[in-house]
Amino acid sequence: MERPLQVLPGYRYEWALFTDWCAAAESVPLPASPETVAAFLDDNPAGDEALRRRVAAINRAHRDVGESEPGTVTAIRLRLDRARSHRVARRRIAAASIVPALPTIGWPAGLFGRRDALVLVLYALGLGPREIASLDRRDIEACGDGLRIRGRHQLDTTELDEVESGVSARTWTLWQQVLDVADRSASTRVLEELLRTGHVSVTYVGAAAGRGPVVVPIDRWGAVPFPLTAMTAPSIADVIAAHLNGTAPRHPTRPERVRRGGNARAAPPGAGHYEAPTLDDGYYDAGTAARRDAAVAMTDVDDILDDIDIRTEQMMRRTMDLLETFQTS
């Protein structure tokens, strides 16, 4: 049974203004969508304090009947906080000067470049490290040259030009390719092929997950966790700070490894002489299988450790009982 709405006396004017506007606009006031609240604010301009009171009244009405608060999404909070909006505008200017210079091809430099470019783009849209870490791939959509971020953010860059926003749908598309490959293969060799050639030659079994973390950690050899796990907020903050401070590491582009029965391609200028060991054809396939088996086996580790803790506790209790028996006898 729904709880009846009792509007607080201090919010009655703001709530009445919103419901009247919804009736004229043929919109539902409760529950209202973030898009409805944004359109209401556009059609009823006012000072910062008045706008904040209107959004607070809408949020309170929704909270009182157990509905999610539409005015808490990132897009609306940015509009209500002028100082924060100015900070985000400065972020966009910084991102626009950094992102285009990051590599998108080469191994493993292009892998780090694609990820870090998306991190900076999301930061330039107003998301903090914790919000970036919690994003799911289903929240992001490429629309034309811009991006839409749904969920609790409701950000839309399709109306900003690329120079102004520092954002391009291509940034997400390039990183999405990496996530798609990493979802279906635990082999760094497949990622390496993607970053060197722009495509992969292997035939996949099944489809990519389509969901999961957006930003993932990368070790110095170019390996990502399998299955994919989210990068931590402190690590994301470190990546952002390093690029903004000009201290981001320069990841080298390594020459391609020599394969059995073929010749190595010419190394890039300045790379020096490189000779990779000759490996059996099944070497990488065996490594991929082993990595998958390890990922499955590790899911049982927590249960094993819990069982050890329980057994240890039982042994301690038995020992204490024996000591008490000896002391009383």
Protein backbone atom coordinates (compact mmCIF):
# COMPACT_ATOMS: atom_id res chain seq x y z
CA MET A 1 0.00 0.00 0.00
CA GLU A 2 1.44 3.38 -1.04
CA ARG A 3 2.04 5.97 1.63
CA PRO A 4 -0.06 9.17 1.21
CA LEU A 5 1.91 12.25 0.32
CA GLN A 6 2.03 14.93 3.00
CA VAL A 7 3.97 17.91 1.64
CA LEU A 8 5.97 19.81 4.24
CA PRO A 9 4.61 23.33 4.82
CA GLY A 10 7.91 24.88 3.79
CA TYR A 11 7.81 23.15 0.40
CA ARG A 12 4.14 23.59 -0.52
CA TYR A 13 4.70 26.45 -2.95
CA GLU A 14 7.56 24.69 -4.77
CA TRP A 15 5.66 21.40 -4.98
CA ALA A 16 2.50 23.14 -6.26
CA LEU A 17 4.59 24.91 -8.92
CA PHE A 18 6.04 21.60 -10.04
CA THR A 19 2.70 19.74 -10.14
CA ASP A 20 1.05 22.61 -12.06
CA TRP A 21 3.86 22.56 -14.60
CA CYS A 22 3.60 18.77 -14.94
CA ALA A 23 -0.15 19.05 -15.61
CA ALA A 24 0.46 21.61 -18.35
CA ALA A 25 3.33 19.57 -19.82
CA GLU A 26 1.40 16.29 -19.55
CA SER A 27 4.15 14.82 -17.37
CA VAL A 28 3.88 12.63 -14.27
CA PRO A 29 4.95 14.50 -11.10
CA LEU A 30 5.25 11.44 -8.87
CA PRO A 31 7.32 9.50 -9.59
CA ALA A 32 9.05 11.99 -11.86
CA SER A 33 12.01 11.17 -14.07
CA PRO A 34 15.25 13.19 -13.95
CA GLU A 35 14.45 14.37 -17.50
CA THR A 36 11.14 15.78 -16.25
CA VAL A 37 12.87 17.66 -13.44
CA ALA A 38 15.47 19.04 -15.86
CA ALA A 39 12.75 20.24 -18.27
CA PHE A 40 10.91 21.87 -15.32
CA LEU A 41 14.03 23.78 -14.30
CA ASP A 42 14.58 24.93 -17.90
CA ASP A 43 11.02 26.24 -18.20
CA ASN A 44 11.08 27.97 -14.81
CA PRO A 45 14.35 29.93 -14.51
CA ALA A 46 15.19 31.38 -11.12
CA GLY A 47 18.11 32.15 -8.85
CA ASP A 48 20.38 29.45 -7.49
CA GLU A 49 18.71 29.35 -4.08
CA ALA A 50 15.19 29.11 -5.55
CA LEU A 51 16.25 26.31 -7.92
CA ARG A 52 17.81 24.36 -5.06
CA ARG A 53 14.60 24.70 -3.00
CA ARG A 54 12.49 23.43 -5.90
CA VAL A 55 14.68 20.39 -6.38
CA ALA A 56 14.77 19.80 -2.61
CA ALA A 57 10.94 19.89 -2.53
CA ILE A 58 10.71 17.38 -5.39
CA ASN A 59 13.26 15.08 -3.76
CA ARG A 60 11.53 15.26 -0.38
CA ALA A 61 8.12 14.43 -1.88
CA HIS A 62 9.59 11.36 -3.57
CA ARG A 63 11.50 10.27 -0.47
CA ASP A 64 8.36 10.56 1.70
CA VAL A 65 6.51 8.00 -0.44
CA GLY A 66 9.49 5.66 -0.90
CA GLU A 67 10.42 6.64 -4.46
CA SER A 68 13.95 7.38 -5.71
CA GLU A 69 14.86 11.07 -5.71
CA PRO A 70 15.12 12.33 -9.32
CA GLY A 71 17.00 15.48 -8.37
CA THR A 72 20.04 13.61 -7.07
CA VAL A 73 21.41 12.59 -10.49
CA THR A 74 24.78 14.05 -11.43
CA ALA A 75 23.42 16.16 -14.29
CA ILE A 76 21.00 18.08 -12.05
CA ARG A 77 23.46 18.45 -9.18
CA LEU A 78 25.89 20.07 -11.59
CA ARG A 79 23.26 22.58 -12.64
CA LEU A 80 22.51 23.51 -9.03
CA ASP A 81 26.14 23.96 -8.00
CA ARG A 82 27.64 26.77 -10.02
CA ALA A 83 31.09 26.41 -8.47
CA ARG A 84 31.15 22.72 -9.30
CA SER A 85 29.99 23.48 -12.85
CA HIS A 86 32.95 25.82 -13.26
CA ARG A 87 35.31 23.14 -11.98
CA VAL A 88 33.89 20.65 -14.46
CA ALA A 89 34.32 23.18 -17.27
CA ARG A 90 38.00 23.46 -16.35
CA ARG A 91 38.25 19.66 -16.35
CA ARG A 92 36.89 19.61 -19.90
CA ILE A 93 39.49 22.09 -21.09
CA ALA A 94 42.26 20.00 -19.52
CA ALA A 95 40.92 16.74 -20.97
CA ALA A 96 40.60 18.27 -24.43
CA SER A 97 44.35 18.99 -24.41
CA ILE A 98 45.43 15.58 -23.05
CA VAL A 99 43.11 12.95 -24.54
CA PRO A 100 43.95 13.46 -28.25
CA ALA A 101 47.65 12.92 -27.54
CA LEU A 102 47.19 9.54 -25.83
CA PRO A 103 48.11 6.51 -27.99
CA THR A 104 45.33 4.19 -29.17
CA ILE A 105 47.50 1.65 -31.03
CA GLY A 106 50.67 -0.23 -30.13
CA TRP A 107 51.36 -2.75 -27.40
CA PRO A 108 50.93 -2.10 -24.53
CA ALA A 109 51.00 1.70 -24.89
CA GLY A 110 47.71 1.78 -26.79
CA LEU A 111 46.00 -0.28 -24.10
CA PHE A 112 46.91 2.20 -21.35
CA GLY A 113 46.13 5.10 -23.68
CA ARG A 114 42.61 3.90 -24.45
CA ARG A 115 41.77 3.29 -20.81
CA ASP A 116 43.25 6.52 -19.49
CA ALA A 117 41.52 8.53 -22.23
CA LEU A 118 38.13 7.22 -21.11
CA VAL A 119 38.97 7.88 -17.44
CA LEU A 120 39.78 11.51 -18.27
CA VAL A 121 36.62 11.85 -20.39
CA LEU A 122 34.42 10.58 -17.54
CA TYR A 123 36.22 12.87 -15.11
CA ALA A 124 35.66 15.79 -17.51
CA LEU A 125 31.93 15.07 -17.43
CA GLY A 126 31.83 15.62 -13.67
CA LEU A 127 32.23 12.09 -12.33
CA GLY A 128 34.59 11.48 -9.43
CA PRO A 129 36.88 8.43 -9.01
CA ARG A 130 34.34 6.53 -6.88
CA GLU A 131 31.59 7.15 -9.43
CA ILE A 132 33.85 6.03 -12.28
CA ALA A 133 34.81 2.87 -10.39
CA SER A 134 31.14 1.96 -9.85
CA LEU A 135 30.04 2.47 -13.48
CA ASP A 136 28.60 -0.46 -15.38
CA ARG A 137 29.03 -0.82 -19.14
CA ARG A 138 25.26 -0.75 -19.58
CA ASP A 139 25.28 2.84 -18.25
CA ILE A 140 27.27 4.18 -21.23
CA GLU A 141 25.97 4.64 -24.76
CA ALA A 142 27.64 6.21 -27.79
CA CYS A 143 25.25 8.55 -29.60
CA GLY A 144 26.63 10.16 -32.74
CA ASP A 145 29.75 12.04 -31.66
CA GLY A 146 28.78 12.17 -28.00
CA LEU A 147 28.06 9.97 -25.02
CA ARG A 148 25.06 9.35 -22.80
CA ILE A 149 25.62 8.10 -19.27
CA ARG A 150 22.45 6.79 -17.71
CA GLY A 151 21.81 5.36 -14.25
CA ARG A 152 22.19 7.88 -11.46
CA HIS A 153 24.10 10.33 -13.65
CA GLN A 154 21.89 11.15 -16.69
CA LEU A 155 24.66 13.02 -18.47
CA ASP A 156 24.39 13.79 -22.17
CA THR A 157 27.24 15.25 -24.23
CA THR A 158 25.52 15.01 -27.61
CA GLU A 159 24.73 18.74 -27.51
CA LEU A 160 28.33 19.76 -26.77
CA ASP A 161 30.85 19.96 -29.54
CA GLU A 162 33.90 17.75 -29.18
CA VAL A 163 36.34 20.61 -28.60
CA GLU A 164 34.18 22.11 -25.85
CA SER A 165 33.58 18.85 -24.02
CA GLY A 166 36.84 17.01 -24.64
CA VAL A 167 34.57 14.02 -25.30
CA SER A 168 34.21 11.81 -28.31
CA ALA A 169 32.15 8.67 -28.79
CA ARG A 170 35.30 7.19 -30.34
CA THR A 171 37.00 7.24 -26.92
CA TRP A 172 34.37 4.89 -25.55
CA THR A 173 34.22 2.78 -28.73
CA LEU A 174 37.97 2.08 -28.66
CA TRP A 175 37.94 1.03 -25.01
CA GLN A 176 34.76 -0.98 -25.52
CA GLN A 177 36.66 -3.05 -28.10
CA VAL A 178 39.21 -3.93 -25.42
CA LEU A 179 36.52 -4.92 -22.91
CA ASP A 180 34.79 -7.04 -25.55
CA VAL A 181 38.00 -8.97 -26.26
CA ALA A 182 38.92 -9.28 -22.57
CA ASP A 183 35.46 -10.68 -21.81
CA ARG A 184 35.92 -13.56 -24.23
CA SER A 185 39.62 -14.34 -23.90
CA ALA A 186 42.05 -14.49 -21.01
CA SER A 187 45.01 -14.32 -23.38
CA THR A 188 47.10 -11.18 -23.55
CA ARG A 189 48.14 -12.31 -27.02
CA VAL A 190 44.63 -11.61 -28.31
CA LEU A 191 44.64 -8.13 -26.75
CA GLU A 192 48.07 -7.54 -28.25
CA GLU A 193 46.77 -8.42 -31.71
CA LEU A 194 43.87 -5.98 -31.30
CA LEU A 195 46.16 -3.15 -30.21
CA ARG A 196 48.63 -3.81 -33.05
CA THR A 197 46.23 -4.41 -35.94
CA GLY A 198 42.85 -3.06 -34.85
CA HIS A 199 41.16 -6.46 -35.10
CA VAL A 200 41.55 -10.03 -33.90
CA SER A 201 41.75 -13.16 -36.03
CA VAL A 202 40.51 -15.73 -33.48
CA THR A 203 36.99 -17.14 -33.60
CA TYR A 204 35.15 -16.54 -30.37
CA VAL A 205 32.80 -18.97 -28.68
CA GLY A 206 29.80 -17.14 -27.25
CA ALA A 207 29.31 -13.41 -26.88
CA ALA A 208 30.78 -10.67 -24.75
CA ALA A 209 29.12 -10.09 -21.39
CA GLY A 210 27.75 -6.64 -22.24
CA ARG A 211 27.83 -5.76 -18.55
CA GLY A 212 30.50 -5.36 -15.89
CA PRO A 213 33.04 -2.76 -14.83
CA VAL A 214 33.97 0.04 -17.22
CA VAL A 215 37.49 0.82 -15.98
CA VAL A 216 39.76 -2.13 -15.12
CA PRO A 217 43.37 -2.38 -13.89
CA ILE A 218 46.23 -3.21 -16.26
CA ASP A 219 49.54 -4.65 -15.09
CA ARG A 220 52.85 -3.61 -16.63
CA TRP A 221 52.77 -6.52 -19.08
CA GLY A 222 49.39 -5.49 -20.48
CA ALA A 223 47.32 -8.13 -18.68
CA VAL A 224 43.85 -7.32 -17.33
CA PRO A 225 42.11 -9.42 -14.65
CA PHE A 226 40.08 -12.40 -15.81
CA PRO A 227 37.22 -12.28 -15.12
CA LEU A 228 37.19 -8.48 -15.28
CA THR A 229 37.13 -6.54 -12.01
CA ALA A 230 36.78 -2.82 -11.44
CA MET A 231 39.75 -0.58 -10.86
CA THR A 232 39.73 0.93 -7.35
CA ALA A 233 38.79 4.57 -6.80
CA PRO A 234 42.25 5.48 -5.35
CA SER A 235 43.95 3.97 -8.42
CA ILE A 236 41.64 5.92 -10.73
CA ALA A 237 42.42 9.10 -8.78
CA ASP A 238 46.16 8.41 -9.23
CA VAL A 239 45.71 8.05 -13.02
CA ILE A 240 43.80 11.33 -13.22
CA ALA A 241 46.30 13.22 -11.07
CA ALA A 242 49.28 11.88 -13.03
CA HIS A 243 47.87 13.08 -16.36
CA LEU A 244 46.79 16.46 -15.01
CA ASN A 245 50.21 16.98 -13.39
CA GLY A 246 52.12 15.84 -16.46
CA THR A 247 53.71 12.94 -14.57
CA ALA A 248 51.91 10.03 -16.26
CA PRO A 249 54.35 7.22 -17.17
CA ARG A 250 55.20 6.72 -20.82
CA HIS A 251 54.44 3.12 -21.62
CA PRO A 252 56.73 1.79 -24.37
CA THR A 253 55.48 0.19 -27.56
CA ARG A 254 57.18 -3.19 -27.67
CA PRO A 255 58.22 -4.91 -30.91
CA GLU A 256 56.11 -7.82 -32.06
CA ARG A 257 57.24 -11.23 -30.85
CA VAL A 258 58.76 -13.69 -33.27
CA ARG A 259 56.49 -16.61 -34.10
CA ARG A 260 57.60 -20.09 -35.06
CA GLY A 261 57.93 -20.58 -38.79
CA GLY A 262 57.95 -16.87 -39.55
CA ASN A 263 60.18 -13.86 -39.50
CA ALA A 264 59.95 -11.02 -37.04
CA ARG A 265 58.66 -7.74 -38.37
CA ALA A 266 61.01 -4.81 -38.33
CA ALA A 267 61.24 -3.20 -34.94
CA PRO A 268 60.22 0.45 -34.61
CA PRO A 269 63.01 3.04 -34.86
CA GLY A 270 64.89 3.32 -31.61
CA ALA A 271 63.57 0.02 -30.28
CA GLY A 272 66.91 -1.72 -30.58
CA HIS A 273 67.55 -5.34 -31.53
CA TYR A 274 64.83 -7.70 -30.37
CA GLU A 275 64.70 -11.47 -30.64
CA ALA A 276 61.83 -13.29 -28.97
CA PRO A 277 62.17 -16.95 -28.05
CA THR A 278 60.61 -19.51 -30.34
CA LEU A 279 57.54 -21.02 -28.72
CA ASP A 280 55.38 -24.02 -29.55
CA ASP A 281 52.11 -23.34 -31.34
CA GLY A 282 50.10 -24.50 -28.34
CA TYR A 283 52.01 -22.42 -25.79
CA TYR A 284 49.54 -19.54 -25.58
CA ASP A 285 46.48 -21.77 -25.82
CA ALA A 286 47.78 -23.80 -22.88
CA GLY A 287 48.41 -20.59 -20.94
CA THR A 288 44.88 -19.36 -21.65
CA ALA A 289 43.39 -22.65 -20.48
CA ALA A 290 45.49 -22.56 -17.31
CA ARG A 291 44.38 -19.02 -16.56
CA ARG A 292 40.73 -19.93 -16.98
CA ASP A 293 41.15 -22.96 -14.69
CA ALA A 294 42.87 -20.79 -12.09
CA ALA A 295 40.04 -18.24 -12.20
CA VAL A 296 37.49 -21.00 -11.56
CA ALA A 297 39.58 -22.61 -8.84
CA MET A 298 40.04 -19.31 -7.00
CA THR A 299 36.29 -18.99 -6.50
CA ASP A 300 36.55 -21.79 -3.90
CA VAL A 301 39.35 -20.18 -1.90
CA ASP A 302 37.04 -18.07 0.30
CA ASP A 303 35.00 -21.14 1.24
CA ILE A 304 38.17 -23.08 2.11
CA LEU A 305 39.49 -20.23 4.29
CA ASP A 306 36.13 -19.95 6.07
CA ASP A 307 36.20 -23.69 6.76
CA ILE A 308 39.73 -23.38 8.18
CA ASP A 309 38.59 -20.55 10.47
CA ILE A 310 35.68 -22.63 11.74
CA ARG A 311 37.87 -25.66 12.39
CA THR A 312 40.47 -23.52 14.18
CA GLU A 313 37.80 -22.02 16.41
CA GLN A 314 36.50 -25.49 17.27
CA MET A 315 39.99 -26.72 18.18
CA MET A 316 40.57 -23.67 20.39
CA ARG A 317 37.33 -24.29 22.24
CA ARG A 318 38.22 -27.93 22.81
CA THR A 319 41.66 -26.93 24.10
CA MET A 320 40.12 -24.43 26.54
CA ASP A 321 37.63 -27.04 27.74
CA LEU A 322 40.48 -29.51 28.41
CA LEU A 323 42.47 -26.88 30.32
CA GLU A 324 39.49 -26.05 32.49
CA THR A 325 38.92 -29.78 33.18
CA PHE A 326 42.55 -30.22 34.33
CA GLN A 327 42.38 -27.11 36.52
CA THR A 328 39.24 -28.25 38.32
CA SER A 329 40.35 -31.87 38.82
